[in-house]
All heavy atoms as atom14 arrays in JSON, in Angstrom:
{
  "sequence": "LPPVHPIGYTKRKGKNNALVAAPHEPGSCWAIGNKDGG",
  "atom14_mask": [
    [1, 1, 1, 1, 1, 1, 1, 1, 0, 0, 0, 0, 0, 0],
    [1, 1, 1, 1, 1, 1, 1, 0, 0, 0, 0, 0, 0, 0],
    [1, 1, 1, 1, 1, 1, 1, 0, 0, 0, 0, 0, 0, 0],
    [1, 1, 1, 1, 1, 1, 1, 0, 0, 0, 0, 0, 0, 0],
    [1, 1, 1, 1, 1, 1, 1, 1, 1, 1, 0, 0, 0, 0],
    [1, 1, 1, 1, 1, 1, 1, 0, 0, 0, 0, 0, 0, 0],
    [1, 1, 1, 1, 1, 1, 1, 1, 0, 0, 0, 0, 0, 0],
    [1, 1, 1, 1, 0, 0, 0, 0, 0, 0, 0, 0, 0, 0],
    [1, 1, 1, 1, 1, 1, 1, 1, 1, 1, 1, 1, 0, 0],
    [1, 1, 1, 1, 1, 1, 1, 0, 0, 0, 0, 0, 0, 0],
    [1, 1, 1, 1, 1, 1, 1, 1, 1, 0, 0, 0, 0, 0],
    [1, 1, 1, 1, 1, 1, 1, 1, 1, 1, 1, 0, 0, 0],
    [1, 1, 1, 1, 1, 1, 1, 1, 1, 0, 0, 0, 0, 0],
    [1, 1, 1, 1, 0, 0, 0, 0, 0, 0, 0, 0, 0, 0],
    [1, 1, 1, 1, 1, 1, 1, 1, 1, 0, 0, 0, 0, 0],
    [1, 1, 1, 1, 1, 1, 1, 1, 0, 0, 0, 0, 0, 0],
    [1, 1, 1, 1, 1, 1, 1, 1, 0, 0, 0, 0, 0, 0],
    [1, 1, 1, 1, 1, 0, 0, 0, 0, 0, 0, 0, 0, 0],
    [1, 1, 1, 1, 1, 1, 1, 1, 0, 0, 0, 0, 0, 0],
    [1, 1, 1, 1, 1, 1, 1, 0, 0, 0, 0, 0, 0, 0],
    [1, 1, 1, 1, 1, 0, 0, 0, 0, 0, 0, 0, 0, 0],
    [1, 1, 1, 1, 1, 0, 0, 0, 0, 0, 0, 0, 0, 0],
    [1, 1, 1, 1, 1, 1, 1, 0, 0, 0, 0, 0, 0, 0],
    [1, 1, 1, 1, 1, 1, 1, 1, 1, 1, 0, 0, 0, 0],
    [1, 1, 1, 1, 1, 1, 1, 1, 1, 0, 0, 0, 0, 0],
    [1, 1, 1, 1, 1, 1, 1, 0, 0, 0, 0, 0, 0, 0],
    [1, 1, 1, 1, 0, 0, 0, 0, 0, 0, 0, 0, 0, 0],
    [1, 1, 1, 1, 1, 1, 0, 0, 0, 0, 0, 0, 0, 0],
    [1, 1, 1, 1, 1, 1, 0, 0, 0, 0, 0, 0, 0, 0],
    [1, 1, 1, 1, 1, 1, 1, 1, 1, 1, 1, 1, 1, 1],
    [1, 1, 1, 1, 1, 0, 0, 0, 0, 0, 0, 0, 0, 0],
    [1, 1, 1, 1, 1, 1, 1, 1, 0, 0, 0, 0, 0, 0],
    [1, 1, 1, 1, 0, 0, 0, 0, 0, 0, 0, 0, 0, 0],
    [1, 1, 1, 1, 1, 1, 1, 1, 0, 0, 0, 0, 0, 0],
    [1, 1, 1, 1, 1, 1, 1, 1, 1, 0, 0, 0, 0, 0],
    [1, 1, 1, 1, 1, 1, 1, 1, 0, 0, 0, 0, 0, 0],
    [1, 1, 1, 1, 0, 0, 0, 0, 0, 0, 0, 0, 0, 0],
    [1, 1, 1, 1, 0, 0, 0, 0, 0, 0, 0, 0, 0, 0]
  ],
  "atom14_positions": [
    [[11.16, -11.62, 5.13], [9.98, -10.76, 5.24], [9.96, -9.76, 4.09], [10.93, -9.01, 3.91], [9.99, -9.99, 6.56], [10.12, -10.79, 7.86], [10.05, -9.84, 9.05], [9.08, -11.87, 7.97], [0.0, 0.0, 0.0], [0.0, 0.0, 0.0], [0.0, 0.0, 0.0], [0.0, 0.0, 0.0], [0.0, 0.0, 0.0], [0.0, 0.0, 0.0]],
    [[8.88, -9.71, 3.31], [8.73, -8.6, 2.36], [8.74, -7.28, 3.12], [8.71, -7.27, 4.36], [7.36, -8.88, 1.73], [7.13, -10.35, 1.93], [7.78, -10.66, 3.25], [0.0, 0.0, 0.0], [0.0, 0.0, 0.0], [0.0, 0.0, 0.0], [0.0, 0.0, 0.0], [0.0, 0.0, 0.0], [0.0, 0.0, 0.0], [0.0, 0.0, 0.0]],
    [[8.8, -6.14, 2.43], [8.94, -4.86, 3.14], [7.97, -4.71, 4.3], [6.77, -4.98, 4.17], [8.66, -3.83, 2.04], [9.13, -4.51, 0.79], [8.75, -5.95, 0.97], [0.0, 0.0, 0.0], [0.0, 0.0, 0.0], [0.0, 0.0, 0.0], [0.0, 0.0, 0.0], [0.0, 0.0, 0.0], [0.0, 0.0, 0.0], [0.0, 0.0, 0.0]],
    [[8.5, -4.27, 5.44], [7.7, -4.14, 6.67], [7.42, -2.67, 6.98], [7.02, -2.33, 8.09], [8.43, -4.8, 7.86], [8.56, -6.29, 7.64], [9.81, -4.16, 8.08], [0.0, 0.0, 0.0], [0.0, 0.0, 0.0], [0.0, 0.0, 0.0], [0.0, 0.0, 0.0], [0.0, 0.0, 0.0], [0.0, 0.0, 0.0], [0.0, 0.0, 0.0]],
    [[7.61, -1.8, 5.99], [7.51, -0.36, 6.21], [6.08, 0.15, 6.03], [5.2, -0.56, 5.53], [8.44, 0.35, 5.24], [9.79, -0.3, 5.1], [10.65, -0.4, 6.16], [10.4, -0.89, 4.03], [11.76, -1.02, 5.75], [11.61, -1.34, 4.46], [0.0, 0.0, 0.0], [0.0, 0.0, 0.0], [0.0, 0.0, 0.0], [0.0, 0.0, 0.0]],
    [[5.83, 1.4, 6.43], [4.52, 2.02, 6.15], [4.24, 1.99, 4.64], [5.15, 2.12, 3.82], [4.7, 3.45, 6.66], [5.76, 3.36, 7.71], [6.7, 2.29, 7.23], [0.0, 0.0, 0.0], [0.0, 0.0, 0.0], [0.0, 0.0, 0.0], [0.0, 0.0, 0.0], [0.0, 0.0, 0.0], [0.0, 0.0, 0.0], [0.0, 0.0, 0.0]],
    [[2.97, 1.82, 4.3], [2.54, 1.67, 2.9], [1.82, 2.93, 2.45], [0.98, 3.48, 3.18], [1.63, 0.44, 2.74], [2.41, -0.83, 3.12], [1.09, 0.34, 1.31], [1.54, -2.07, 3.2], [0.0, 0.0, 0.0], [0.0, 0.0, 0.0], [0.0, 0.0, 0.0], [0.0, 0.0, 0.0], [0.0, 0.0, 0.0], [0.0, 0.0, 0.0]],
    [[2.15, 3.38, 1.25], [1.55, 4.61, 0.73], [0.06, 4.48, 0.46], [-0.47, 3.38, 0.26], [0.0, 0.0, 0.0], [0.0, 0.0, 0.0], [0.0, 0.0, 0.0], [0.0, 0.0, 0.0], [0.0, 0.0, 0.0], [0.0, 0.0, 0.0], [0.0, 0.0, 0.0], [0.0, 0.0, 0.0], [0.0, 0.0, 0.0], [0.0, 0.0, 0.0]],
    [[-0.61, 5.65, 0.42], [-2.05, 5.69, 0.15], [-2.33, 6.12, -1.3], [-3.3, 5.66, -1.91], [-2.73, 6.67, 1.11], [-2.68, 6.22, 2.55], [-1.74, 6.76, 3.44], [-3.57, 5.27, 3.03], [-1.69, 6.34, 4.76], [-3.52, 4.85, 4.35], [-2.58, 5.39, 5.21], [-2.54, 4.97, 6.52], [0.0, 0.0, 0.0], [0.0, 0.0, 0.0]],
    [[-1.5, 6.97, -1.84], [-1.73, 7.48, -3.19], [-1.62, 6.36, -4.22], [-0.61, 5.65, -4.25], [-0.73, 8.6, -3.51], [-0.86, 9.65, -2.57], [-0.95, 9.13, -4.91], [0.0, 0.0, 0.0], [0.0, 0.0, 0.0], [0.0, 0.0, 0.0], [0.0, 0.0, 0.0], [0.0, 0.0, 0.0], [0.0, 0.0, 0.0], [0.0, 0.0, 0.0]],
    [[-2.67, 6.21, -5.04], [-2.72, 5.18, -6.09], [-2.53, 3.78, -5.52], [-2.01, 2.89, -6.2], [-1.65, 5.46, -7.16], [-1.81, 6.79, -7.88], [-3.07, 6.85, -8.72], [-3.15, 8.15, -9.49], [-4.36, 8.23, -10.34], [0.0, 0.0, 0.0], [0.0, 0.0, 0.0], [0.0, 0.0, 0.0], [0.0, 0.0, 0.0], [0.0, 0.0, 0.0]],
    [[-2.96, 3.57, -4.29], [-2.82, 2.25, -3.66], [-3.56, 1.2, -4.48], [-4.67, 1.4, -4.93], [-3.37, 2.28, -2.23], [-3.33, 0.93, -1.53], [-3.8, 1.0, -0.09], [-2.78, 1.61, 0.78], [-2.83, 1.58, 2.11], [-3.86, 1.0, 2.73], [-1.87, 2.13, 2.82], [0.0, 0.0, 0.0], [0.0, 0.0, 0.0], [0.0, 0.0, 0.0]],
    [[-2.88, 0.03, -4.66], [-3.47, -1.07, -5.42], [-4.44, -1.86, -4.54], [-4.25, -2.01, -3.34], [-2.37, -2.0, -5.93], [-1.45, -1.36, -6.98], [-2.18, -1.12, -8.3], [-1.25, -0.61, -9.37], [-0.25, -1.6, -9.8], [0.0, 0.0, 0.0], [0.0, 0.0, 0.0], [0.0, 0.0, 0.0], [0.0, 0.0, 0.0], [0.0, 0.0, 0.0]],
    [[-5.45, -2.43, -5.21], [-6.44, -3.24, -4.52], [-6.28, -4.72, -4.82], [-5.29, -5.16, -5.42], [0.0, 0.0, 0.0], [0.0, 0.0, 0.0], [0.0, 0.0, 0.0], [0.0, 0.0, 0.0], [0.0, 0.0, 0.0], [0.0, 0.0, 0.0], [0.0, 0.0, 0.0], [0.0, 0.0, 0.0], [0.0, 0.0, 0.0], [0.0, 0.0, 0.0]],
    [[-7.25, -5.5, -4.41], [-7.23, -6.95, -4.57], [-6.99, -7.32, -6.02], [-7.53, -6.72, -6.94], [-8.56, -7.52, -4.09], [-8.64, -9.04, -4.11], [-9.95, -9.52, -3.5], [-10.03, -11.04, -3.52], [-11.27, -11.55, -2.88], [0.0, 0.0, 0.0], [0.0, 0.0, 0.0], [0.0, 0.0, 0.0], [0.0, 0.0, 0.0], [0.0, 0.0, 0.0]],
    [[-6.13, -8.35, -6.2], [-5.77, -8.83, -7.54], [-5.22, -7.73, -8.44], [-5.47, -7.68, -9.64], [-6.96, -9.53, -8.2], [-7.24, -10.88, -7.57], [-6.32, -11.64, -7.27], [-8.5, -11.18, -7.35], [0.0, 0.0, 0.0], [0.0, 0.0, 0.0], [0.0, 0.0, 0.0], [0.0, 0.0, 0.0], [0.0, 0.0, 0.0], [0.0, 0.0, 0.0]],
    [[-4.45, -6.83, -7.81], [-3.75, -5.77, -8.55], [-4.71, -4.76, -9.17], [-4.38, -4.11, -10.17], [-2.84, -6.38, -9.62], [-1.73, -5.44, -10.05], [-1.38, -4.49, -9.34], [-1.18, -5.68, -11.23], [0.0, 0.0, 0.0], [0.0, 0.0, 0.0], [0.0, 0.0, 0.0], [0.0, 0.0, 0.0], [0.0, 0.0, 0.0], [0.0, 0.0, 0.0]],
    [[-5.89, -4.61, -8.58], [-6.84, -3.61, -9.07], [-6.23, -2.22, -8.93], [-5.51, -1.93, -7.96], [-8.14, -3.69, -8.27], [0.0, 0.0, 0.0], [0.0, 0.0, 0.0], [0.0, 0.0, 0.0], [0.0, 0.0, 0.0], [0.0, 0.0, 0.0], [0.0, 0.0, 0.0], [0.0, 0.0, 0.0], [0.0, 0.0, 0.0], [0.0, 0.0, 0.0]],
    [[-6.5, -1.34, -9.89], [-5.89, -0.02, -9.89], [-6.41, 0.87, -8.78], [-5.75, 1.84, -8.39], [-6.13, 0.66, -11.25], [-5.44, 0.0, -12.45], [-5.77, 0.75, -13.73], [-3.93, -0.07, -12.24], [0.0, 0.0, 0.0], [0.0, 0.0, 0.0], [0.0, 0.0, 0.0], [0.0, 0.0, 0.0], [0.0, 0.0, 0.0], [0.0, 0.0, 0.0]],
    [[-7.59, 0.56, -8.24], [-8.16, 1.35, -7.15], [-8.45, 0.42, -5.98], [-9.12, -0.61, -6.14], [-9.46, 2.05, -7.59], [-10.04, 2.85, -6.43], [-9.19, 2.97, -8.78], [0.0, 0.0, 0.0], [0.0, 0.0, 0.0], [0.0, 0.0, 0.0], [0.0, 0.0, 0.0], [0.0, 0.0, 0.0], [0.0, 0.0, 0.0], [0.0, 0.0, 0.0]],
    [[-7.95, 0.79, -4.81], [-8.15, -0.03, -3.61], [-9.39, 0.4, -2.87], [-9.73, 1.59, -2.83], [-6.92, 0.08, -2.7], [0.0, 0.0, 0.0], [0.0, 0.0, 0.0], [0.0, 0.0, 0.0], [0.0, 0.0, 0.0], [0.0, 0.0, 0.0], [0.0, 0.0, 0.0], [0.0, 0.0, 0.0], [0.0, 0.0, 0.0], [0.0, 0.0, 0.0]],
    [[-10.06, -0.6, -2.29], [-11.17, -0.29, -1.39], [-10.6, 0.29, -0.1], [-9.42, 0.08, 0.23], [-11.97, -1.55, -1.11], [0.0, 0.0, 0.0], [0.0, 0.0, 0.0], [0.0, 0.0, 0.0], [0.0, 0.0, 0.0], [0.0, 0.0, 0.0], [0.0, 0.0, 0.0], [0.0, 0.0, 0.0], [0.0, 0.0, 0.0], [0.0, 0.0, 0.0]],
    [[-11.41, 1.02, 0.66], [-10.9, 1.7, 1.87], [-10.19, 0.79, 2.87], [-9.24, 1.2, 3.53], [-12.17, 2.3, 2.48], [-13.08, 2.5, 1.31], [-12.82, 1.35, 0.39], [0.0, 0.0, 0.0], [0.0, 0.0, 0.0], [0.0, 0.0, 0.0], [0.0, 0.0, 0.0], [0.0, 0.0, 0.0], [0.0, 0.0, 0.0], [0.0, 0.0, 0.0]],
    [[-10.63, -0.48, 2.96], [-10.06, -1.37, 3.96], [-8.86, -2.16, 3.45], [-8.23, -2.9, 4.21], [-11.13, -2.38, 4.42], [-11.58, -3.3, 3.32], [-12.47, -2.89, 2.34], [-11.23, -4.58, 3.04], [-12.68, -3.91, 1.51], [-11.94, -4.94, 1.91], [0.0, 0.0, 0.0], [0.0, 0.0, 0.0], [0.0, 0.0, 0.0], [0.0, 0.0, 0.0]],
    [[-8.51, -2.04, 2.18], [-7.46, -2.88, 1.62], [-6.07, -2.33, 1.96], [-5.85, -1.11, 1.93], [-7.64, -2.99, 0.1], [-8.88, -3.82, -0.26], [-9.06, -4.0, -1.74], [-8.87, -3.02, -2.51], [-9.41, -5.12, -2.16], [0.0, 0.0, 0.0], [0.0, 0.0, 0.0], [0.0, 0.0, 0.0], [0.0, 0.0, 0.0], [0.0, 0.0, 0.0]],
    [[-5.13, -3.24, 2.27], [-3.83, -2.8, 2.82], [-2.84, -2.28, 1.8], [-1.86, -1.63, 2.16], [-3.31, -4.08, 3.48], [-3.88, -5.18, 2.65], [-5.25, -4.71, 2.23], [0.0, 0.0, 0.0], [0.0, 0.0, 0.0], [0.0, 0.0, 0.0], [0.0, 0.0, 0.0], [0.0, 0.0, 0.0], [0.0, 0.0, 0.0], [0.0, 0.0, 0.0]],
    [[-3.01, -2.6, 0.51], [-2.07, -2.17, -0.51], [-0.85, -3.06, -0.59], [-0.64, -3.97, 0.22], [0.0, 0.0, 0.0], [0.0, 0.0, 0.0], [0.0, 0.0, 0.0], [0.0, 0.0, 0.0], [0.0, 0.0, 0.0], [0.0, 0.0, 0.0], [0.0, 0.0, 0.0], [0.0, 0.0, 0.0], [0.0, 0.0, 0.0], [0.0, 0.0, 0.0]],
    [[-0.02, -2.8, -1.6], [1.2, -3.57, -1.79], [2.29, -3.04, -0.86], [2.56, -1.83, -0.82], [1.69, -3.47, -3.23], [3.01, -3.96, -3.36], [0.0, 0.0, 0.0], [0.0, 0.0, 0.0], [0.0, 0.0, 0.0], [0.0, 0.0, 0.0], [0.0, 0.0, 0.0], [0.0, 0.0, 0.0], [0.0, 0.0, 0.0], [0.0, 0.0, 0.0]],
    [[2.93, -3.96, -0.14], [3.97, -3.53, 0.81], [5.23, -3.05, 0.1], [6.14, -2.53, 0.75], [4.28, -4.63, 1.8], [4.74, -6.21, 1.09], [0.0, 0.0, 0.0], [0.0, 0.0, 0.0], [0.0, 0.0, 0.0], [0.0, 0.0, 0.0], [0.0, 0.0, 0.0], [0.0, 0.0, 0.0], [0.0, 0.0, 0.0], [0.0, 0.0, 0.0]],
    [[5.29, -3.2, -1.23], [6.43, -2.66, -1.97], [6.23, -1.18, -2.33], [7.15, -0.56, -2.86], [6.69, -3.49, -3.22], [7.48, -4.74, -2.9], [8.83, -4.86, -2.84], [6.95, -6.03, -2.58], [9.19, -6.15, -2.5], [8.05, -6.89, -2.34], [5.66, -6.55, -2.47], [7.9, -8.23, -2.01], [5.51, -7.9, -2.14], [6.61, -8.72, -1.91]],
    [[5.04, -0.64, -2.06], [4.8, 0.8, -2.23], [5.14, 1.47, -0.9], [4.29, 1.7, -0.04], [3.35, 1.06, -2.62], [0.0, 0.0, 0.0], [0.0, 0.0, 0.0], [0.0, 0.0, 0.0], [0.0, 0.0, 0.0], [0.0, 0.0, 0.0], [0.0, 0.0, 0.0], [0.0, 0.0, 0.0], [0.0, 0.0, 0.0], [0.0, 0.0, 0.0]],
    [[6.4, 1.78, -0.72], [6.95, 2.09, 0.61], [6.83, 3.57, 0.93], [7.22, 4.43, 0.13], [8.43, 1.65, 0.68], [8.53, 0.14, 0.48], [9.07, 2.07, 2.0], [9.95, -0.35, 0.29], [0.0, 0.0, 0.0], [0.0, 0.0, 0.0], [0.0, 0.0, 0.0], [0.0, 0.0, 0.0], [0.0, 0.0, 0.0], [0.0, 0.0, 0.0]],
    [[6.32, 3.85, 2.14], [6.4, 5.19, 2.7], [5.09, 5.95, 2.76], [4.32, 5.97, 1.81], [0.0, 0.0, 0.0], [0.0, 0.0, 0.0], [0.0, 0.0, 0.0], [0.0, 0.0, 0.0], [0.0, 0.0, 0.0], [0.0, 0.0, 0.0], [0.0, 0.0, 0.0], [0.0, 0.0, 0.0], [0.0, 0.0, 0.0], [0.0, 0.0, 0.0]],
    [[4.84, 6.56, 3.91], [3.72, 7.5, 4.08], [4.08, 8.43, 5.25], [5.24, 8.5, 5.65], [2.39, 6.77, 4.27], [2.31, 5.92, 5.53], [2.96, 6.23, 6.54], [1.54, 4.85, 5.49], [0.0, 0.0, 0.0], [0.0, 0.0, 0.0], [0.0, 0.0, 0.0], [0.0, 0.0, 0.0], [0.0, 0.0, 0.0], [0.0, 0.0, 0.0]],
    [[3.09, 9.09, 5.82], [3.36, 10.05, 6.9], [4.01, 9.4, 8.12], [4.63, 10.09, 8.95], [2.06, 10.72, 7.32], [1.0, 9.76, 7.84], [-0.27, 10.5, 8.23], [-1.36, 9.52, 8.7], [-0.94, 8.69, 9.84], [0.0, 0.0, 0.0], [0.0, 0.0, 0.0], [0.0, 0.0, 0.0], [0.0, 0.0, 0.0], [0.0, 0.0, 0.0]],
    [[3.87, 8.09, 8.24], [4.47, 7.39, 9.39], [5.94, 7.08, 9.19], [6.6, 6.57, 10.11], [3.71, 6.08, 9.65], [2.27, 6.33, 10.09], [2.07, 7.17, 10.99], [1.36, 5.69, 9.53], [0.0, 0.0, 0.0], [0.0, 0.0, 0.0], [0.0, 0.0, 0.0], [0.0, 0.0, 0.0], [0.0, 0.0, 0.0], [0.0, 0.0, 0.0]],
    [[6.47, 7.36, 8.01], [7.89, 7.14, 7.78], [8.15, 6.37, 6.5], [7.23, 6.05, 5.74], [0.0, 0.0, 0.0], [0.0, 0.0, 0.0], [0.0, 0.0, 0.0], [0.0, 0.0, 0.0], [0.0, 0.0, 0.0], [0.0, 0.0, 0.0], [0.0, 0.0, 0.0], [0.0, 0.0, 0.0], [0.0, 0.0, 0.0], [0.0, 0.0, 0.0]],
    [[9.43, 6.07, 6.28], [9.84, 5.39, 5.07], [10.61, 4.12, 5.35], [10.16, 3.25, 6.1], [0.0, 0.0, 0.0], [0.0, 0.0, 0.0], [0.0, 0.0, 0.0], [0.0, 0.0, 0.0], [0.0, 0.0, 0.0], [0.0, 0.0, 0.0], [0.0, 0.0, 0.0], [0.0, 0.0, 0.0], [0.0, 0.0, 0.0], [0.0, 0.0, 0.0]]
  ]
}
């Protein structure tokens, strides 16, 4: 399993590695950690 941790919001990547994510996009799971933990 790739990282199963909370995913950060700051500078979250979008579809096809876009620099800005749309509101509904989940982001890369390798960007680990947010208010829910690390």
